Amino acid sequence: MTKPPIPKKVDLRKTPKEQGYFFPAEWHPHEATWLSWPHKEASWPGKIHSIYPVYSEFIRLLTLGENVCINVNDEAMKRFAIKCLEKASVELSKVKFFIHPTNDAWARDHGPSFLLNKDPKMPKVIVDWGYNAWGGKYPPYDLDDEIPSLIANALNLPCYRVPLVMEGGSVEFNGAGTLLTTKACLLNPNRNPEFSQEEIENALRSYYGVEQILWLEEGIEGDDTDGHIDDLTRFINEDTVVTVIEKDKSHPDYEILKQNAKALNKMKLLNDKPLNVIEIPMPLPFIYEDQHLPCSYANFYIGNRTVIVPIFEDPHDEKALEILSGCFKDREVVGLNSRDIIWGLGSFHCLSQQEPKA
C-alpha cells in the first residue's frame, strides 16, 4: 500500500503566494461545505422560524455530493439543527458539527479562505482575514471574526492571520490567476481606510495567490454589504462569467448593471483573451416591509453535484435556471425558494464557504 506523502512545512513568515498557494475556483472538487447555523433573530426579524426548512433542504442538496460542516453555538443548537435536518431527510452521516460559537450565519464572509498548493506534498492552509460585519453595521461580530482560526485548529491546518478586512462574498475567482471584485466594497472606507487600492491589490495577490485583479464599480440595490461581487458577476469557468442584467429602465439596478456589463465586455484575462460574458436576468424588485431586498440569481452556490440557485416565485426564475443549466453541463442546476432567506439580505452563496479537496 502506497503511503501518503509526508507534508512539507509551511513557513508562515512567507506569504501563501511565495510558497505556491492559490485559492481554487468554486467548481474545484470540495472536501466539504462549511456553514454557520442561523440563530440571530435580528437578521430575519419576525421570520427566522420560516427559513429552517429551506436551509435544511439546501444542506440536503449539498450532501448528495459532499460532506457538510456546521458551526453551532452549543449542544442545544446542535440538537435543534439535527431535528430540522431529520425533517428534511438529510443523510446525517454526511454532516459534522463543530462547537464554534457565532454571531450570525453568513459563513461566506466570516468563514475561512482555504488555499491549496501546486505541490501536493504541501498541506492545505487557511487565511484568516479580518472581519467587521460589513463595515461595522451589525455588532457584535467578535465571535464571527474568530471562526477561521477555530476551524484551522479543529482541522490542524496552518493559518495565516491577515490584518485586512476581507469578506468572501466580495471576491470571485477563475482558479487561473484572476480575481474579480468591486470598488464599492473593497475600497469602501468602512473596511480598510488606511490601505490604498495598490496595497489592497498587493494583499489580494499575496494571500489569495492570484496575478490579476479586475474591478467592477457598484453593487445592486438593497445589498447591505456595499456591493458584493457574488450578487453581480460569477465565474463559471476560467474564461467565462455570468452577470446579472436588467432591461427595464425603471428598475433601480438598470444603470449599475448596464455599466458593469459594459466594463466586463472590455476586460481581458491573463492570456489576453476577452472575457466571455453570459447575461442572466434580474428578478423583479422585491419589497418587504418597505425594504428593497437584494434578490439576485447570481448568488448561486456550486456544489460537487448540484448548483443551487436562489429563486423568488418570480416570472424570471425559469429563464435564469434555463441559462444556468446551459452553463453547468456536469452538475444538476436546482432552484431553491429564497423568498424568506433573502429577508436576511443574503442567500445561498452568502451562507456557505467551500473547503477544496487537496
Protein backbone atom coordinates (compact mmCIF):
# COMPACT_ATOMS: atom_id res chain seq x y z
CA MET A 1 0.00 0.00 0.00
CA THR A 2 1.40 3.41 -1.01
CA LYS A 3 1.98 5.73 1.93
CA PRO A 4 0.71 9.31 1.61
CA PRO A 5 3.49 11.88 1.12
CA ILE A 6 4.83 13.43 4.31
CA PRO A 7 3.58 17.04 4.36
CA LYS A 8 6.17 19.74 3.96
CA LYS A 9 6.34 22.58 6.45
CA VAL A 10 4.58 25.87 5.79
CA ASP A 11 6.65 28.97 6.55
CA LEU A 12 4.16 31.49 7.93
CA ARG A 13 6.82 34.20 7.60
CA LYS A 14 6.39 33.94 3.82
CA THR A 15 3.14 34.79 2.05
CA PRO A 16 0.98 31.99 0.64
CA LYS A 17 1.81 33.12 -2.90
CA GLU A 18 5.55 32.94 -2.22
CA GLN A 19 5.07 29.28 -1.31
CA GLY A 20 2.89 28.34 -4.28
CA TYR A 21 -0.57 28.63 -2.69
CA PHE A 22 -3.73 29.69 -4.53
CA PHE A 23 -7.47 29.96 -3.93
CA PRO A 24 -9.21 27.37 -6.18
CA ALA A 25 -12.28 28.17 -8.24
CA GLU A 26 -15.58 27.15 -6.65
CA TRP A 27 -16.07 24.30 -9.14
CA HIS A 28 -12.85 22.60 -7.92
CA PRO A 29 -13.90 19.39 -6.09
CA HIS A 30 -14.90 20.09 -2.49
CA GLU A 31 -13.84 18.24 0.61
CA ALA A 32 -16.84 19.85 2.32
CA THR A 33 -19.05 22.91 2.52
CA TRP A 34 -18.88 24.96 5.73
CA LEU A 35 -21.96 26.65 7.22
CA SER A 36 -22.81 28.53 10.42
CA TRP A 37 -26.24 27.58 11.74
CA PRO A 38 -28.62 30.59 11.64
CA HIS A 39 -29.78 31.78 15.05
CA LYS A 40 -29.78 35.59 15.01
CA GLU A 41 -33.39 36.77 15.15
CA ALA A 42 -32.34 40.32 14.18
CA SER A 43 -31.10 39.06 10.80
CA TRP A 44 -34.57 37.69 9.94
CA PRO A 45 -36.84 39.81 12.14
CA GLY A 46 -40.21 38.18 12.54
CA LYS A 47 -39.50 35.18 10.32
CA ILE A 48 -36.32 33.33 11.34
CA HIS A 49 -38.51 30.26 12.02
CA SER A 50 -39.53 30.20 8.36
CA ILE A 51 -36.01 29.79 6.98
CA TYR A 52 -35.12 26.45 8.61
CA PRO A 53 -37.00 24.15 6.16
CA VAL A 54 -35.37 25.70 3.08
CA TYR A 55 -31.97 25.99 4.83
CA SER A 56 -32.21 22.28 5.68
CA GLU A 57 -33.14 21.48 2.06
CA PHE A 58 -30.04 23.42 0.99
CA ILE A 59 -27.99 21.11 3.22
CA ARG A 60 -29.75 18.01 1.85
CA LEU A 61 -28.87 19.02 -1.71
CA LEU A 62 -25.25 19.59 -0.71
CA THR A 63 -24.94 16.18 0.95
CA LEU A 64 -25.83 14.49 -2.34
CA GLY A 65 -22.26 15.24 -3.41
CA GLU A 66 -20.18 16.22 -0.38
CA ASN A 67 -19.88 16.49 3.38
CA VAL A 68 -21.26 19.50 5.24
CA CYS A 69 -19.57 21.00 8.30
CA ILE A 70 -21.73 23.21 10.52
CA ASN A 71 -20.63 25.66 13.20
CA VAL A 72 -23.07 25.68 16.14
CA ASN A 73 -23.00 27.63 19.40
CA ASP A 74 -23.62 24.74 21.77
CA GLU A 75 -25.13 21.27 22.18
CA ALA A 76 -28.68 22.66 22.38
CA MET A 77 -28.28 24.35 18.98
CA LYS A 78 -26.81 21.13 17.59
CA ARG A 79 -29.87 19.16 18.78
CA PHE A 80 -32.21 21.71 17.20
CA ALA A 81 -30.25 21.58 13.94
CA ILE A 82 -30.40 17.78 13.86
CA LYS A 83 -34.18 17.93 14.35
CA CYS A 84 -34.51 20.30 11.39
CA LEU A 85 -32.24 18.16 9.21
CA GLU A 86 -34.10 14.96 10.08
CA LYS A 87 -37.38 16.60 8.98
CA ALA A 88 -35.71 17.36 5.62
CA SER A 89 -34.46 13.74 5.26
CA VAL A 90 -30.81 14.82 5.34
CA GLU A 91 -28.29 11.97 5.50
CA LEU A 92 -26.75 12.86 8.86
CA SER A 93 -23.66 10.71 8.28
CA LYS A 94 -22.61 13.41 5.78
CA VAL A 95 -22.94 16.21 8.37
CA LYS A 96 -20.39 17.12 11.04
CA PHE A 97 -20.98 19.69 13.78
CA PHE A 98 -18.37 21.90 15.42
CA ILE A 99 -18.98 23.84 18.64
CA HIS A 100 -17.76 27.15 17.23
CA PRO A 101 -19.97 29.98 18.57
CA THR A 102 -21.00 32.61 16.01
CA ASN A 103 -22.81 35.93 15.99
CA ASP A 104 -24.56 35.27 12.66
CA ALA A 105 -24.94 32.83 9.78
CA TRP A 106 -23.02 34.39 6.88
CA ALA A 107 -20.19 31.86 6.55
CA ARG A 108 -19.10 33.13 3.12
CA ASP A 109 -17.91 36.31 4.79
CA HIS A 110 -16.72 35.23 8.23
CA GLY A 111 -15.55 31.75 7.27
CA PRO A 112 -12.01 30.72 6.34
CA SER A 113 -10.34 31.07 2.96
CA PHE A 114 -8.95 27.61 2.13
CA LEU A 115 -5.89 27.60 -0.13
CA LEU A 116 -4.24 24.71 -1.96
CA ASN A 117 -0.65 24.38 -3.12
CA LYS A 118 0.66 23.42 -6.54
CA ASP A 119 2.95 20.98 -4.67
CA PRO A 120 0.79 18.04 -3.45
CA LYS A 121 3.19 17.50 -0.53
CA MET A 122 2.25 20.89 0.93
CA PRO A 123 -0.74 20.92 3.30
CA LYS A 124 -3.89 22.91 2.79
CA VAL A 125 -3.77 26.28 4.58
CA ILE A 126 -6.33 28.75 5.91
CA VAL A 127 -6.25 32.52 5.60
CA ASP A 128 -7.97 34.30 8.47
CA TRP A 129 -8.82 37.79 7.23
CA GLY A 130 -10.20 40.49 9.50
CA TYR A 131 -13.98 40.68 9.72
CA ASN A 132 -16.06 43.68 10.87
CA ALA A 133 -19.64 42.81 9.78
CA TRP A 134 -19.59 44.83 6.53
CA GLY A 135 -18.11 48.00 7.90
CA GLY A 136 -19.30 47.71 11.50
CA LYS A 137 -23.01 47.65 10.53
CA TYR A 138 -24.11 44.78 12.77
CA PRO A 139 -22.23 44.46 16.05
CA PRO A 140 -21.26 42.34 17.83
CA TYR A 141 -19.11 40.34 15.41
CA ASP A 142 -16.25 39.22 17.66
CA LEU A 143 -17.28 35.53 17.56
CA ASP A 144 -17.58 35.52 13.76
CA ASP A 145 -14.12 37.07 13.49
CA GLU A 146 -12.65 34.04 15.31
CA ILE A 147 -14.23 31.35 13.12
CA PRO A 148 -11.35 30.83 10.62
CA SER A 149 -8.82 30.30 13.40
CA LEU A 150 -11.16 27.90 15.24
CA ILE A 151 -11.59 25.86 12.05
CA ALA A 152 -7.83 25.87 11.43
CA ASN A 153 -7.34 24.49 14.96
CA ALA A 154 -10.07 21.87 14.50
CA LEU A 155 -8.55 20.66 11.21
CA ASN A 156 -4.94 21.09 12.37
CA LEU A 157 -4.14 23.37 9.42
CA PRO A 158 -1.59 26.21 9.25
CA CYS A 159 -3.33 29.57 9.50
CA TYR A 160 -2.31 32.99 8.19
CA ARG A 161 -3.81 35.88 10.16
CA VAL A 162 -4.05 38.96 7.94
CA PRO A 163 -4.81 42.41 9.41
CA LEU A 164 -7.02 43.40 6.49
CA VAL A 165 -10.83 43.28 6.47
CA MET A 166 -11.98 40.94 3.71
CA GLU A 167 -15.24 39.09 3.04
CA GLY A 168 -15.54 36.01 0.86
CA GLY A 169 -18.58 37.41 -0.94
CA SER A 170 -16.55 40.37 -2.16
CA VAL A 171 -14.16 38.29 -4.30
CA GLU A 172 -14.67 35.89 -7.21
CA PHE A 173 -12.03 33.57 -8.72
CA ASN A 174 -11.45 31.76 -12.00
CA GLY A 175 -8.82 29.44 -10.49
CA ALA A 176 -6.31 30.52 -13.14
CA GLY A 177 -4.87 33.64 -11.57
CA THR A 178 -7.74 36.14 -11.92
CA LEU A 179 -9.79 37.73 -9.14
CA LEU A 180 -12.90 39.84 -9.77
CA THR A 181 -14.20 42.33 -7.20
CA THR A 182 -15.91 45.71 -6.75
CA LYS A 183 -14.56 49.10 -5.79
CA ALA A 184 -17.76 49.90 -3.89
CA CYS A 185 -16.92 47.20 -1.36
CA LEU A 186 -13.16 46.71 -1.19
CA LEU A 187 -12.28 50.40 -1.42
CA ASN A 188 -15.02 51.46 0.98
CA PRO A 189 -13.53 53.49 3.89
CA ASN A 190 -15.58 51.41 6.35
CA ARG A 191 -13.36 48.39 5.61
CA ASN A 192 -9.68 49.36 5.32
CA PRO A 193 -9.39 53.15 5.38
CA GLU A 194 -5.63 53.04 5.98
CA PHE A 195 -4.92 50.96 2.84
CA SER A 196 -4.66 52.31 -0.71
CA GLN A 197 -6.03 50.43 -3.72
CA GLU A 198 -2.49 49.34 -4.60
CA GLU A 199 -1.91 47.98 -1.08
CA ILE A 200 -5.21 46.10 -1.15
CA GLU A 201 -4.31 44.63 -4.55
CA ASN A 202 -0.92 43.53 -3.20
CA ALA A 203 -2.64 41.79 -0.27
CA LEU A 204 -5.09 40.04 -2.63
CA ARG A 205 -2.20 38.77 -4.75
CA SER A 206 -0.13 37.68 -1.76
CA TYR A 207 -2.85 35.93 0.27
CA TYR A 208 -5.11 34.56 -2.48
CA GLY A 209 -2.25 33.64 -4.82
CA VAL A 210 -3.64 35.49 -7.85
CA GLU A 211 -1.93 37.54 -10.57
CA GLN A 212 -4.70 39.76 -11.91
CA ILE A 213 -7.32 41.93 -10.20
CA LEU A 214 -10.34 43.00 -12.26
CA TRP A 215 -12.53 45.75 -10.80
CA LEU A 216 -16.23 46.47 -11.24
CA GLU A 217 -17.81 49.56 -9.69
CA GLU A 218 -21.15 49.27 -7.84
CA GLY A 219 -23.39 46.56 -6.37
CA ILE A 220 -27.14 46.04 -6.51
CA GLU A 221 -29.87 47.93 -4.65
CA GLY A 222 -30.59 46.68 -1.12
CA ASP A 223 -27.21 44.98 -0.72
CA ASP A 224 -26.01 45.96 2.75
CA THR A 225 -22.52 44.63 2.01
CA ASP A 226 -21.80 47.74 -0.12
CA GLY A 227 -21.61 45.78 -3.36
CA HIS A 228 -20.53 42.15 -3.07
CA ILE A 229 -19.49 40.57 -6.36
CA ASP A 230 -21.47 37.38 -5.62
CA ASP A 231 -24.73 39.25 -6.30
CA LEU A 232 -23.41 40.59 -9.61
CA THR A 233 -20.98 38.50 -11.61
CA ARG A 234 -19.71 34.94 -11.19
CA PHE A 235 -17.07 32.86 -12.96
CA ILE A 236 -18.40 29.57 -14.34
CA ASN A 237 -15.12 28.51 -15.95
CA GLU A 238 -11.66 30.01 -16.43
CA ASP A 239 -12.69 32.50 -19.11
CA THR A 240 -16.48 32.88 -18.70
CA VAL A 241 -18.68 34.83 -16.31
CA VAL A 242 -22.42 35.08 -15.88
CA THR A 243 -23.57 38.56 -14.97
CA VAL A 244 -27.00 39.87 -14.00
CA ILE A 245 -28.58 42.38 -16.35
CA GLU A 246 -31.76 44.48 -16.24
CA LYS A 247 -33.67 45.63 -19.33
CA ASP A 248 -36.35 47.67 -17.54
CA LYS A 249 -35.06 51.25 -17.34
CA SER A 250 -37.26 51.94 -14.31
CA HIS A 251 -35.56 49.16 -12.30
CA PRO A 252 -33.25 50.58 -9.59
CA ASP A 253 -30.34 48.44 -10.82
CA TYR A 254 -30.70 49.22 -14.54
CA GLU A 255 -27.86 51.73 -14.89
CA ILE A 256 -25.43 50.00 -12.48
CA LEU A 257 -25.81 46.64 -14.24
CA LYS A 258 -25.54 48.23 -17.67
CA GLN A 259 -22.21 49.82 -16.68
CA ASN A 260 -20.95 46.56 -15.14
CA ALA A 261 -21.76 44.61 -18.32
CA LYS A 262 -20.02 47.26 -20.41
CA ALA A 263 -16.89 47.02 -18.21
CA LEU A 264 -16.88 43.19 -18.32
CA ASN A 265 -17.05 43.20 -22.12
CA LYS A 266 -13.88 45.32 -22.22
CA MET A 267 -11.90 43.10 -19.83
CA LYS A 268 -9.12 40.74 -20.89
CA LEU A 269 -7.68 37.82 -18.95
CA LEU A 270 -4.02 36.95 -18.28
CA ASN A 271 -3.84 35.08 -21.60
CA ASP A 272 -5.01 38.30 -23.34
CA LYS A 273 -8.34 36.70 -24.28
CA PRO A 274 -11.50 38.78 -23.82
CA LEU A 275 -13.78 37.70 -21.01
CA ASN A 276 -16.72 35.64 -22.26
CA VAL A 277 -19.85 37.24 -20.77
CA ILE A 278 -23.22 35.45 -20.40
CA GLU A 279 -26.16 37.57 -19.24
CA ILE A 280 -28.87 36.39 -16.86
CA PRO A 281 -31.94 38.44 -15.87
CA MET A 282 -32.62 40.08 -12.54
CA PRO A 283 -35.78 39.19 -10.59
CA LEU A 284 -38.48 41.84 -10.34
CA PRO A 285 -37.97 44.27 -7.44
CA PHE A 286 -38.99 42.57 -4.18
CA ILE A 287 -40.08 44.96 -1.43
CA TYR A 288 -40.77 43.58 2.05
CA GLU A 289 -41.72 45.85 4.96
CA ASP A 290 -40.67 48.88 2.87
CA GLN A 291 -37.21 47.41 2.24
CA HIS A 292 -35.82 46.62 -1.22
CA LEU A 293 -34.32 43.14 -0.87
CA PRO A 294 -31.14 42.21 -2.79
CA CYS A 295 -32.60 39.38 -4.90
CA SER A 296 -30.16 38.02 -7.47
CA TYR A 297 -29.82 34.77 -9.37
CA ALA A 298 -26.04 35.28 -9.28
CA ASN A 299 -25.98 34.23 -5.61
CA PHE A 300 -25.87 30.55 -6.58
CA TYR A 301 -23.55 28.01 -4.94
CA ILE A 302 -21.55 25.49 -6.97
CA GLY A 303 -21.53 22.18 -5.08
CA ASN A 304 -19.88 18.94 -6.19
CA ARG A 305 -23.09 17.58 -7.72
CA THR A 306 -25.53 20.46 -7.70
CA VAL A 307 -25.61 24.18 -8.45
CA ILE A 308 -28.12 25.63 -6.02
CA VAL A 309 -29.78 28.80 -7.33
CA PRO A 310 -31.97 31.16 -5.30
CA ILE A 311 -35.39 31.67 -6.87
CA PHE A 312 -38.12 34.04 -5.75
CA GLU A 313 -41.53 32.92 -7.14
CA ASP A 314 -40.70 35.38 -9.90
CA PRO A 315 -41.53 35.31 -13.64
CA HIS A 316 -37.79 35.37 -14.42
CA ASP A 317 -36.96 32.27 -12.32
CA GLU A 318 -37.43 29.84 -15.19
CA LYS A 319 -35.28 31.80 -17.65
CA ALA A 320 -32.44 32.18 -15.12
CA LEU A 321 -32.47 28.44 -14.38
CA GLU A 322 -32.53 27.63 -18.10
CA ILE A 323 -29.45 29.81 -18.76
CA LEU A 324 -27.55 28.45 -15.76
CA SER A 325 -28.42 24.85 -16.71
CA GLY A 326 -26.72 25.52 -20.03
CA CYS A 327 -23.64 26.80 -18.19
CA PHE A 328 -23.15 23.74 -15.95
CA LYS A 329 -23.27 20.61 -18.08
CA ASP A 330 -21.62 18.43 -15.40
CA ARG A 331 -23.93 19.37 -12.50
CA GLU A 332 -27.65 19.50 -11.84
CA VAL A 333 -28.92 23.06 -11.52
CA VAL A 334 -31.59 23.28 -8.80
CA GLY A 335 -33.75 26.31 -7.97
CA LEU A 336 -34.49 26.73 -4.28
CA ASN A 337 -37.03 29.23 -2.98
CA SER A 338 -35.21 32.11 -1.28
CA ARG A 339 -38.11 34.48 -0.57
CA ASP A 340 -37.77 34.02 3.19
CA ILE A 341 -33.98 33.67 3.33
CA ILE A 342 -33.46 36.89 1.33
CA TRP A 343 -35.12 38.82 4.18
CA GLY A 344 -31.72 38.34 5.86
CA LEU A 345 -30.24 40.29 2.88
CA GLY A 346 -28.30 37.32 1.51
CA SER A 347 -28.84 33.89 0.00
CA PHE A 348 -27.17 30.50 -0.55
CA HIS A 349 -23.74 31.68 -1.66
CA CYS A 350 -23.60 34.16 1.23
CA LEU A 351 -24.39 31.34 3.69
CA SER A 352 -21.71 28.88 2.54
CA GLN A 353 -17.95 28.52 2.14
CA GLN A 354 -16.29 25.69 0.26
CA GLU A 355 -13.35 23.65 1.51
CA PRO A 356 -11.48 22.36 -1.58
CA LYS A 357 -10.26 18.80 -1.85
CA ALA A 358 -6.46 18.63 -1.83
